[in-house]
Amino acid sequence: MTDHPTTLPAHARVWVYAADRALNDEEAKSTVDAAGAFVAGWAAHGNQLLAEARLLHQRFLIIVVDEQQAGASGCSIDASVHFVKSLGTQLGVDFFNRMVFHYRNASGDIVTLPRAEFKQAYGEGLITGSTFVFDPLVKTLGELADGFEKPLAESWHRRMV
């Protein structure tokens, strides 16, 4: 699943795994296929989880679960982390580097930079308070829809510059 409407409710829990680079078309397709297969069989204590996976902007792997149907347990969350780590190893991508930031440049392209370069770009005026950044810390599908992409001045990212 890529950018598509979801059947899950706004309160559904979200995990955002941000790649340290954009995936090419072949990598994106294999990511979507693998993530779809993973969530189709994802269970917690023998209960099938009502879950979806999607890939946004060829770099954000999103896993969503409606915990009102069945809650994700520690073991099931560990399984998802193991899946994403394994996928990253296969692709040569780091989905767990929290010191890499993603923003939309003046041309509308998404740029990924390590924290030091992000801070430098801000100092040089390439990034400003009105630059849109992506927040991988959103917790629900509603937050993903309404607050995943927001101006730097309204984001926790502002503390990093």
Foldseek 3Di string as FASTA:
>chain_A
DAPDDDPDDQFWWKAKFFWLDADDPVLQVVLQVLQQVCLQQQDAPPHRWPWHWYHYPRTIIMITTHCVVPHQDPVSVVVVVVSVVVSCVVRVIHRPPPQWWWWQFPVRRIDIGGLVVVVVCVVVVRADQQTWTADSPDTGNNCCVPPRIGGNVPDPCVVSD
